[in-house]
Structures are given as structure tokens and as C-alpha cells.
Amino acid sequence: MKIPVGLSYDERVNMRISFNQPAFIPWGGFFARLLCSDKMVLLDETVLAHGFTYVNRNRVKGPLGEVWITVPLKRKGRGEQEIKNLEIYEKDRWAKKFLLTLKHFYGKSIFFEPIFGEIKAAAETPDESFMNLALALLKILQANFDIETETILQSKIGVRGKGTPLLVAIAKELGAREVVLPYFSEKAVESDRFKKEKIQVRFLRYMPPPYPQFWGNFLENLSALDLLLCLGAPGKAIIEKAIKILS
């Protein structure tokens, strides 16, 4: 098994990785797996699903409850698209609406201004690449939660495929001995394929405790941006408390 450049034998043996499609302002469960991993692989060469997907949308909270924010994508005449190739439709118009929404819902937070400045800079670039936007916002969330786990793009690894065989191939290429998967994927994942390669599979259940939010009763499993704008950097402790690893 190939040892990645720069890793010692001990680091290779103990490496634990996780996977996720690139996502717009991900929920807390994404960051929980990030905290429990040495590296996370972002599956940018997977195809955007038809119908509902969390890749380009997530929820925040407003006066009337949950509010979906969706990044519009160019789809007409493009057929199936890998996530790395997605482009944002009417980027300037969308960015203005997105920023106004955040300002309206979270503008009174004591944590708002510095974080909003970073988000504004990321959203207002002329670049129409969805991946670049998603990665820029992920970097902002990671930095503010002080999560240093490295994220690696699938396209940089050079491994393609789909389903469990893809995840196994990536784990082997990186020399990982453990993978962390969301618990709700347990039935969909072919765990025996990992076991055959002597790779331990662990499932993570994310069970967040209530935290102070704006606009009434607590709503769970919103974008982690809600947690950051409500609590600031200490919101990381909420993510840590929500982690339950299932063997």
C-alpha cells in the first residue's frame, strides 16, 4: 500500500478519513465528521443529483422559522454535471439576495460584522464557479470554528468511480485505516468492501443540543452558519457535544 508523501508510517497506520460532496454552508454534522478525521475528501467529481440535494442549498433561521437558501445553477442544455464543473446562474443577483437575507436575520448578532465581511468578500467575486464559492465559505466556517482538518479534492487524488467502491479506492490511495461515515448511510454502504481491505468503518451520529438562537424556538440541523452567527467561535463546543461515534 502506497504511503502518501510527507506521512510517517505511524501517521499512515492511524489515519482516519471522511468523505462529503462539496456543499454550500454545510450543517453541523459535516463539521462533526471533519473534527473526527485526519483528512476529509470532498467528492467534487461526483455527479450532481437530480431533484433535492444539499449540495447547493441549506437552511438558516428567520422570524417565521426555517428559511432555505439555494444557490441557483446553470443547468439548461448541460445534462449531468460533475460538481467541480457547476456554475452559478445570475451570480450577482443571487449574491445580493443572499447577503441581504443574512443581514436581515442575523444583523443584530454581536458576532455578525467580522464574519459577514468575510462572507461578503467570498460571495461578491465575479467568479461563477460554484466550487470556488463553496470552498471559500467552507474555509471561513472552518477558520472561525478553529477546525484545522485538511480537506482534499477527489479530483486532486486521481481516483474516480461511484458508491462504496469509490470510497474504498480513495481510502486505499490515501493509506487510511479508518473511515468515518454518517450514521444514516449505514444501510447504503457496503461495509464488507472496507473490511476486505482491512479498513475500519465507523459511523458518526450527530445529535446537537439546543443552543441560543434568534427568532423563537430552537430549530435543529440548520446550516452551521446559524450556529456561528449565534454563538461565534464557541459554537464549536456545541458540535463537539453532538458527536456520537458508533462502531
C-alpha atoms as a PDB file:
ATOM      1  CA  MET A   1       0.000   0.000   0.000  1.00  0.00           C
ATOM      2  CA  LYS A   2       1.360   3.379  -1.059  1.00  0.00           C
ATOM      3  CA  ILE A   3       2.362   5.774   1.735  1.00  0.00           C
ATOM      4  CA  PRO A   4       1.353   9.370   0.916  1.00  0.00           C
ATOM      5  CA  VAL A   5       4.247  11.794   0.570  1.00  0.00           C
ATOM      6  CA  GLY A   6       5.085  13.514   3.847  1.00  0.00           C
ATOM      7  CA  LEU A   7       3.442  10.938   6.122  1.00  0.00           C
ATOM      8  CA  SER A   8       5.344   8.773   8.558  1.00  0.00           C
ATOM      9  CA  TYR A   9       4.485   5.102   8.976  1.00  0.00           C
ATOM     10  CA  ASP A  10       2.661   5.720  12.276  1.00  0.00           C
ATOM     11  CA  GLU A  11       0.560   8.512  10.788  1.00  0.00           C
ATOM     12  CA  ARG A  12      -0.365   6.273   7.871  1.00  0.00           C
ATOM     13  CA  VAL A  13      -1.410   3.381  10.097  1.00  0.00           C
ATOM     14  CA  ASN A  14      -3.618   5.566  12.260  1.00  0.00           C
ATOM     15  CA  MET A  15      -5.093   7.795   9.568  1.00  0.00           C
ATOM     16  CA  ARG A  16      -8.859   8.296   9.712  1.00  0.00           C
ATOM     17  CA  ILE A  17     -10.631   9.959   6.808  1.00  0.00           C
ATOM     18  CA  SER A  18     -14.166  11.030   5.947  1.00  0.00           C
ATOM     19  CA  PHE A  19     -15.987  11.976   2.759  1.00  0.00           C
ATOM     20  CA  ASN A  20     -18.581  14.504   1.660  1.00  0.00           C
ATOM     21  CA  GLN A  21     -19.762  16.081  -1.517  1.00  0.00           C
ATOM     22  CA  PRO A  22     -18.781  19.761  -1.651  1.00  0.00           C
ATOM     23  CA  ALA A  23     -21.670  21.652  -0.070  1.00  0.00           C
ATOM     24  CA  PHE A  24     -22.920  25.208   0.355  1.00  0.00           C
ATOM     25  CA  ILE A  25     -22.681  26.344   4.040  1.00  0.00           C
ATOM     26  CA  PRO A  26     -22.854  22.739   5.393  1.00  0.00           C
ATOM     27  CA  TRP A  27     -24.711  21.678   8.540  1.00  0.00           C
ATOM     28  CA  GLY A  28     -23.075  20.793  11.852  1.00  0.00           C
ATOM     29  CA  GLY A  29     -22.815  17.081  11.041  1.00  0.00           C
ATOM     30  CA  PHE A  30     -20.341  17.891   8.274  1.00  0.00           C
ATOM     31  CA  PHE A  31     -18.081  19.671  10.753  1.00  0.00           C
ATOM     32  CA  ALA A  32     -18.521  16.890  13.303  1.00  0.00           C
ATOM     33  CA  ARG A  33     -17.025  14.411  10.832  1.00  0.00           C
ATOM     34  CA  LEU A  34     -14.339  16.942   9.987  1.00  0.00           C
ATOM     35  CA  LEU A  35     -13.411  17.153  13.682  1.00  0.00           C
ATOM     36  CA  CYS A  36     -13.200  13.357  13.898  1.00  0.00           C
ATOM     37  CA  SER A  37     -10.984  12.972  10.831  1.00  0.00           C
ATOM     38  CA  ASP A  38      -7.366  13.487   9.934  1.00  0.00           C
ATOM     39  CA  LYS A  39      -8.466  14.393   6.415  1.00  0.00           C
ATOM     40  CA  MET A  40     -11.781  14.850   4.601  1.00  0.00           C
ATOM     41  CA  VAL A  41     -12.127  14.115   0.894  1.00  0.00           C
ATOM     42  CA  LEU A  42     -14.549  16.369  -0.989  1.00  0.00           C
ATOM     43  CA  LEU A  43     -16.104  14.341  -3.798  1.00  0.00           C
ATOM     44  CA  ASP A  44     -16.023  17.013  -6.482  1.00  0.00           C
ATOM     45  CA  GLU A  45     -16.048  14.521  -9.358  1.00  0.00           C
ATOM     46  CA  THR A  46     -19.388  13.007  -8.360  1.00  0.00           C
ATOM     47  CA  VAL A  47     -22.473  13.976 -10.352  1.00  0.00           C
ATOM     48  CA  LEU A  48     -24.972  16.500  -9.004  1.00  0.00           C
ATOM     49  CA  ALA A  49     -28.139  14.582  -8.139  1.00  0.00           C
ATOM     50  CA  HIS A  50     -31.396  15.323  -9.901  1.00  0.00           C
ATOM     51  CA  GLY A  51     -34.087  16.712  -7.610  1.00  0.00           C
ATOM     52  CA  PHE A  52     -33.403  17.567  -3.995  1.00  0.00           C
ATOM     53  CA  THR A  53     -29.798  17.853  -2.824  1.00  0.00           C
ATOM     54  CA  TYR A  54     -27.911  19.621  -0.049  1.00  0.00           C
ATOM     55  CA  VAL A  55     -25.009  20.377  -2.389  1.00  0.00           C
ATOM     56  CA  ASN A  56     -26.285  23.841  -3.337  1.00  0.00           C
ATOM     57  CA  ARG A  57     -28.782  24.606  -0.561  1.00  0.00           C
ATOM     58  CA  ASN A  58     -29.151  24.698   3.198  1.00  0.00           C
ATOM     59  CA  ARG A  59     -31.294  26.230   5.910  1.00  0.00           C
ATOM     60  CA  VAL A  60     -30.910  29.262   8.126  1.00  0.00           C
ATOM     61  CA  LYS A  61     -33.478  30.760  10.505  1.00  0.00           C
ATOM     62  CA  GLY A  62     -35.767  33.745  10.150  1.00  0.00           C
ATOM     63  CA  PRO A  63     -38.728  35.264  12.028  1.00  0.00           C
ATOM     64  CA  LEU A  64     -41.122  32.651  10.617  1.00  0.00           C
ATOM     65  CA  GLY A  65     -38.843  29.658  11.113  1.00  0.00           C
ATOM     66  CA  GLU A  66     -36.539  27.820   8.733  1.00  0.00           C
ATOM     67  CA  VAL A  67     -35.513  29.538   5.511  1.00  0.00           C
ATOM     68  CA  TRP A  68     -33.944  27.690   2.601  1.00  0.00           C
ATOM     69  CA  ILE A  69     -31.112  29.431   0.775  1.00  0.00           C
ATOM     70  CA  THR A  70     -30.386  27.925  -2.631  1.00  0.00           C
ATOM     71  CA  VAL A  71     -27.522  28.741  -4.973  1.00  0.00           C
ATOM     72  CA  PRO A  72     -29.058  28.766  -8.497  1.00  0.00           C
ATOM     73  CA  LEU A  73     -27.069  26.743 -11.015  1.00  0.00           C
ATOM     74  CA  LYS A  74     -26.716  26.818 -14.781  1.00  0.00           C
ATOM     75  CA  ARG A  75     -28.390  23.624 -15.933  1.00  0.00           C
ATOM     76  CA  LYS A  76     -30.087  24.219 -19.291  1.00  0.00           C
ATOM     77  CA  GLY A  77     -28.548  22.084 -22.012  1.00  0.00           C
ATOM     78  CA  ARG A  78     -25.797  20.788 -19.719  1.00  0.00           C
ATOM     79  CA  GLY A  79     -27.103  17.334 -18.846  1.00  0.00           C
ATOM     80  CA  GLU A  80     -25.405  15.570 -15.950  1.00  0.00           C
ATOM     81  CA  GLN A  81     -22.722  17.720 -14.371  1.00  0.00           C
ATOM     82  CA  GLU A  82     -19.901  16.853 -12.024  1.00  0.00           C
ATOM     83  CA  ILE A  83     -19.890  19.169  -9.035  1.00  0.00           C
ATOM     84  CA  LYS A  84     -16.486  20.592  -9.928  1.00  0.00           C
ATOM     85  CA  ASN A  85     -17.962  21.986 -13.165  1.00  0.00           C
ATOM     86  CA  LEU A  86     -21.074  23.674 -11.747  1.00  0.00           C
ATOM     87  CA  GLU A  87     -21.579  27.376 -12.455  1.00  0.00           C
ATOM     88  CA  ILE A  88     -23.828  29.814 -10.616  1.00  0.00           C
ATOM     89  CA  TYR A  89     -26.760  31.327 -12.507  1.00  0.00           C
ATOM     90  CA  GLU A  90     -27.036  35.129 -12.224  1.00  0.00           C
ATOM     91  CA  LYS A  91     -24.307  35.250  -9.582  1.00  0.00           C
ATOM     92  CA  ASP A  92     -24.515  38.991  -8.813  1.00  0.00           C
ATOM     93  CA  ARG A  93     -28.269  38.916  -8.306  1.00  0.00           C
ATOM     94  CA  TRP A  94     -28.076  35.843  -6.101  1.00  0.00           C
ATOM     95  CA  ALA A  95     -25.196  37.253  -4.001  1.00  0.00           C
ATOM     96  CA  LYS A  96     -27.122  40.461  -3.234  1.00  0.00           C
ATOM     97  CA  LYS A  97     -30.170  38.489  -2.091  1.00  0.00           C
ATOM     98  CA  PHE A  98     -28.033  36.087  -0.018  1.00  0.00           C
ATOM     99  CA  LEU A  99     -26.197  38.877   1.775  1.00  0.00           C
ATOM    100  CA  LEU A 100     -29.388  40.850   2.446  1.00  0.00           C
ATOM    101  CA  THR A 101     -31.002  37.723   3.885  1.00  0.00           C
ATOM    102  CA  LEU A 102     -28.127  37.146   6.307  1.00  0.00           C
ATOM    103  CA  LYS A 103     -28.087  40.800   7.321  1.00  0.00           C
ATOM    104  CA  HIS A 104     -31.838  40.812   7.980  1.00  0.00           C
ATOM    105  CA  PHE A 105     -31.845  37.593  10.036  1.00  0.00           C
ATOM    106  CA  TYR A 106     -28.526  37.887  11.891  1.00  0.00           C
ATOM    107  CA  GLY A 107     -27.517  41.555  11.708  1.00  0.00           C
ATOM    108  CA  LYS A 108     -28.107  42.112  15.439  1.00  0.00           C
ATOM    109  CA  SER A 109     -25.686  39.374  16.469  1.00  0.00           C
ATOM    110  CA  ILE A 110     -22.530  40.592  18.209  1.00  0.00           C
ATOM    111  CA  PHE A 111     -20.622  38.114  16.027  1.00  0.00           C
ATOM    112  CA  PHE A 112     -22.126  39.316  12.753  1.00  0.00           C
ATOM    113  CA  GLU A 113     -19.869  42.061  11.425  1.00  0.00           C
ATOM    114  CA  PRO A 114     -16.464  40.382  11.117  1.00  0.00           C
ATOM    115  CA  ILE A 115     -17.935  37.121   9.811  1.00  0.00           C
ATOM    116  CA  PHE A 116     -20.265  38.915   7.402  1.00  0.00           C
ATOM    117  CA  GLY A 117     -17.320  40.836   5.969  1.00  0.00           C
ATOM    118  CA  GLU A 118     -15.596  37.576   5.083  1.00  0.00           C
ATOM    119  CA  ILE A 119     -18.771  36.071   3.592  1.00  0.00           C
ATOM    120  CA  LYS A 120     -19.447  39.231   1.579  1.00  0.00           C
ATOM    121  CA  ALA A 121     -15.977  39.130   0.056  1.00  0.00           C
ATOM    122  CA  ALA A 122     -16.463  35.479  -0.950  1.00  0.00           C
ATOM    123  CA  ALA A 123     -19.965  35.984  -2.367  1.00  0.00           C
ATOM    124  CA  GLU A 124     -19.246  39.139  -4.371  1.00  0.00           C
ATOM    125  CA  THR A 125     -16.384  37.844  -6.501  1.00  0.00           C
ATOM    126  CA  PRO A 126     -17.195  37.799 -10.249  1.00  0.00           C
ATOM    127  CA  ASP A 127     -16.190  34.124 -10.403  1.00  0.00           C
ATOM    128  CA  GLU A 128     -19.233  31.983 -11.320  1.00  0.00           C
ATOM    129  CA  SER A 129     -17.711  28.690 -10.156  1.00  0.00           C
ATOM    130  CA  PHE A 130     -19.911  27.007  -7.554  1.00  0.00           C
ATOM    131  CA  MET A 131     -16.944  25.026  -6.242  1.00  0.00           C
ATOM    132  CA  ASN A 132     -14.918  28.153  -5.575  1.00  0.00           C
ATOM    133  CA  LEU A 133     -17.814  29.705  -3.664  1.00  0.00           C
ATOM    134  CA  ALA A 134     -18.455  26.539  -1.633  1.00  0.00           C
ATOM    135  CA  LEU A 135     -14.761  26.160  -0.778  1.00  0.00           C
ATOM    136  CA  ALA A 136     -14.389  29.829   0.166  1.00  0.00           C
ATOM    137  CA  LEU A 137     -17.375  29.670   2.532  1.00  0.00           C
ATOM    138  CA  LEU A 138     -16.172  26.350   3.965  1.00  0.00           C
ATOM    139  CA  LYS A 139     -12.770  27.931   4.668  1.00  0.00           C
ATOM    140  CA  ILE A 140     -14.491  30.798   6.522  1.00  0.00           C
ATOM    141  CA  LEU A 141     -16.550  28.431   8.670  1.00  0.00           C
ATOM    142  CA  GLN A 142     -13.573  26.175   9.375  1.00  0.00           C
ATOM    143  CA  ALA A 143     -11.342  29.065  10.370  1.00  0.00           C
ATOM    144  CA  ASN A 144     -13.928  30.633  12.670  1.00  0.00           C
ATOM    145  CA  PHE A 145     -14.623  27.285  14.372  1.00  0.00           C
ATOM    146  CA  ASP A 146     -10.845  26.694  14.579  1.00  0.00           C
ATOM    147  CA  ILE A 147     -11.015  23.331  12.791  1.00  0.00           C
ATOM    148  CA  GLU A 148      -7.693  22.583  11.137  1.00  0.00           C
ATOM    149  CA  THR A 149      -8.525  19.264   9.451  1.00  0.00           C
ATOM    150  CA  GLU A 150      -7.262  19.209   5.881  1.00  0.00           C
ATOM    151  CA  THR A 151      -9.789  18.902   3.068  1.00  0.00           C
ATOM    152  CA  ILE A 152      -8.671  17.251  -0.177  1.00  0.00           C
ATOM    153  CA  LEU A 153     -10.462  17.344  -3.514  1.00  0.00           C
ATOM    154  CA  GLN A 154     -11.175  13.995  -5.123  1.00  0.00           C
ATOM    155  CA  SER A 155     -10.006  15.486  -8.409  1.00  0.00           C
ATOM    156  CA  LYS A 156      -6.542  16.020  -6.891  1.00  0.00           C
ATOM    157  CA  ILE A 157      -6.270  12.376  -5.823  1.00  0.00           C
ATOM    158  CA  GLY A 158      -6.931  10.905  -9.265  1.00  0.00           C
ATOM    159  CA  VAL A 159      -9.460   8.269  -8.215  1.00  0.00           C
ATOM    160  CA  ARG A 160     -12.819   8.049  -9.954  1.00  0.00           C
ATOM    161  CA  GLY A 161     -15.895   5.862  -9.573  1.00  0.00           C
ATOM    162  CA  LYS A 162     -19.111   5.819  -7.601  1.00  0.00           C
ATOM    163  CA  GLY A 163     -20.663   4.407  -4.456  1.00  0.00           C
ATOM    164  CA  THR A 164     -18.763   2.288  -1.942  1.00  0.00           C
ATOM    165  CA  PRO A 165     -16.069   1.172  -4.451  1.00  0.00           C
ATOM    166  CA  LEU A 166     -15.086   4.833  -4.901  1.00  0.00           C
ATOM    167  CA  LEU A 167     -14.788   5.411  -1.151  1.00  0.00           C
ATOM    168  CA  VAL A 168     -12.736   2.236  -0.690  1.00  0.00           C
ATOM    169  CA  ALA A 169     -10.418   3.192  -3.565  1.00  0.00           C
ATOM    170  CA  ILE A 170      -9.850   6.656  -2.087  1.00  0.00           C
ATOM    171  CA  ALA A 171      -9.155   5.225   1.365  1.00  0.00           C
ATOM    172  CA  LYS A 172      -6.609   2.822  -0.117  1.00  0.00           C
ATOM    173  CA  GLU A 173      -4.953   5.553  -2.173  1.00  0.00           C
ATOM    174  CA  LEU A 174      -4.522   7.732   0.926  1.00  0.00           C
ATOM    175  CA  GLY A 175      -3.441   4.825   3.114  1.00  0.00           C
ATOM    176  CA  ALA A 176      -6.317   5.289   5.560  1.00  0.00           C
ATOM    177  CA  ARG A 177      -7.044   2.594   8.106  1.00  0.00           C
ATOM    178  CA  GLU A 178     -10.370   4.040   9.287  1.00  0.00           C
ATOM    179  CA  VAL A 179     -13.241   5.893   7.633  1.00  0.00           C
ATOM    180  CA  VAL A 180     -15.951   7.935   9.357  1.00  0.00           C
ATOM    181  CA  LEU A 181     -19.350   7.907   7.676  1.00  0.00           C
ATOM    182  CA  PRO A 182     -22.679   9.491   8.655  1.00  0.00           C
ATOM    183  CA  TYR A 183     -24.860   7.012  10.543  1.00  0.00           C
ATOM    184  CA  PHE A 184     -27.767   7.429   8.123  1.00  0.00           C
ATOM    185  CA  SER A 185     -25.588   5.953   5.345  1.00  0.00           C
ATOM    186  CA  GLU A 186     -25.161   2.654   7.194  1.00  0.00           C
ATOM    187  CA  LYS A 187     -27.672   0.742   5.057  1.00  0.00           C
ATOM    188  CA  ALA A 188     -26.416   2.193   1.779  1.00  0.00           C
ATOM    189  CA  VAL A 189     -22.713   1.475   2.368  1.00  0.00           C
ATOM    190  CA  GLU A 190     -21.258  -1.952   1.595  1.00  0.00           C
ATOM    191  CA  SER A 191     -19.195  -2.275   4.760  1.00  0.00           C
ATOM    192  CA  ASP A 192     -17.792  -5.657   3.710  1.00  0.00           C
ATOM    193  CA  ARG A 193     -15.823  -3.974   0.935  1.00  0.00           C
ATOM    194  CA  PHE A 194     -13.961  -1.943   3.565  1.00  0.00           C
ATOM    195  CA  LYS A 195     -13.445  -4.969   5.811  1.00  0.00           C
ATOM    196  CA  LYS A 196     -11.942  -6.894   2.901  1.00  0.00           C
ATOM    197  CA  GLU A 197      -9.263  -4.178   2.696  1.00  0.00           C
ATOM    198  CA  LYS A 198      -8.787  -4.140   6.480  1.00  0.00           C
ATOM    199  CA  ILE A 199     -10.288  -0.652   6.743  1.00  0.00           C
ATOM    200  CA  GLN A 200     -12.344   0.024   9.886  1.00  0.00           C
ATOM    201  CA  VAL A 201     -15.716   1.679   9.309  1.00  0.00           C
ATOM    202  CA  ARG A 202     -17.088   3.962  11.992  1.00  0.00           C
ATOM    203  CA  PHE A 203     -20.460   5.704  11.819  1.00  0.00           C
ATOM    204  CA  LEU A 204     -20.971   9.112  13.370  1.00  0.00           C
ATOM    205  CA  ARG A 205     -24.319  10.225  14.700  1.00  0.00           C
ATOM    206  CA  TYR A 206     -24.779  13.969  15.104  1.00  0.00           C
ATOM    207  CA  MET A 207     -27.157  14.873  17.933  1.00  0.00           C
ATOM    208  CA  PRO A 208     -26.831  18.624  18.654  1.00  0.00           C
ATOM    209  CA  PRO A 209     -28.078  20.025  21.966  1.00  0.00           C
ATOM    210  CA  PRO A 210     -30.216  23.197  21.791  1.00  0.00           C
ATOM    211  CA  TYR A 211     -28.285  26.452  21.704  1.00  0.00           C
ATOM    212  CA  PRO A 212     -29.485  30.084  21.865  1.00  0.00           C
ATOM    213  CA  GLN A 213     -30.909  31.171  18.517  1.00  0.00           C
ATOM    214  CA  PHE A 214     -32.645  34.240  17.170  1.00  0.00           C
ATOM    215  CA  TRP A 215     -36.331  34.152  16.294  1.00  0.00           C
ATOM    216  CA  GLY A 216     -38.115  31.937  18.782  1.00  0.00           C
ATOM    217  CA  ASN A 217     -37.961  28.219  19.482  1.00  0.00           C
ATOM    218  CA  PHE A 218     -34.850  26.199  18.726  1.00  0.00           C
ATOM    219  CA  LEU A 219     -34.573  24.560  15.309  1.00  0.00           C
ATOM    220  CA  GLU A 220     -32.042  21.751  14.887  1.00  0.00           C
ATOM    221  CA  ASN A 221     -29.802  20.788  11.989  1.00  0.00           C
ATOM    222  CA  LEU A 222     -29.635  24.172  10.303  1.00  0.00           C
ATOM    223  CA  SER A 223     -26.539  25.251   8.405  1.00  0.00           C
ATOM    224  CA  ALA A 224     -23.568  25.604  10.750  1.00  0.00           C
ATOM    225  CA  LEU A 225     -23.600  29.258   9.710  1.00  0.00           C
ATOM    226  CA  ASP A 226     -26.560  29.730  12.081  1.00  0.00           C
ATOM    227  CA  LEU A 227     -24.500  28.297  14.935  1.00  0.00           C
ATOM    228  CA  LEU A 228     -21.542  30.539  14.095  1.00  0.00           C
ATOM    229  CA  LEU A 229     -23.607  33.718  13.822  1.00  0.00           C
ATOM    230  CA  CYS A 230     -25.475  32.956  17.052  1.00  0.00           C
ATOM    231  CA  LEU A 231     -22.545  31.851  19.240  1.00  0.00           C
ATOM    232  CA  GLY A 232     -19.362  32.774  17.414  1.00  0.00           C
ATOM    233  CA  ALA A 233     -16.281  30.579  17.756  1.00  0.00           C
ATOM    234  CA  PRO A 234     -17.559  28.922  20.995  1.00  0.00           C
ATOM    235  CA  GLY A 235     -20.190  27.250  18.804  1.00  0.00           C
ATOM    236  CA  LYS A 236     -17.529  24.629  18.130  1.00  0.00           C
ATOM    237  CA  ALA A 237     -18.249  23.206  21.596  1.00  0.00           C
ATOM    238  CA  ILE A 238     -21.844  22.514  20.505  1.00  0.00           C
ATOM    239  CA  ILE A 239     -20.570  20.487  17.549  1.00  0.00           C
ATOM    240  CA  GLU A 240     -18.208  18.552  19.838  1.00  0.00           C
ATOM    241  CA  LYS A 241     -21.020  17.728  22.260  1.00  0.00           C
ATOM    242  CA  ALA A 242     -23.195  16.463  19.425  1.00  0.00           C
ATOM    243  CA  ILE A 243     -20.746  13.761  18.296  1.00  0.00           C
ATOM    244  CA  LYS A 244     -21.510  10.123  18.936  1.00  0.00           C
ATOM    245  CA  ILE A 245     -19.270   7.568  17.243  1.00  0.00           C
ATOM    246  CA  LEU A 246     -20.848   4.182  16.566  1.00  0.00           C
ATOM    247  CA  SER A 247     -18.523   1.248  15.810  1.00  0.00           C
END
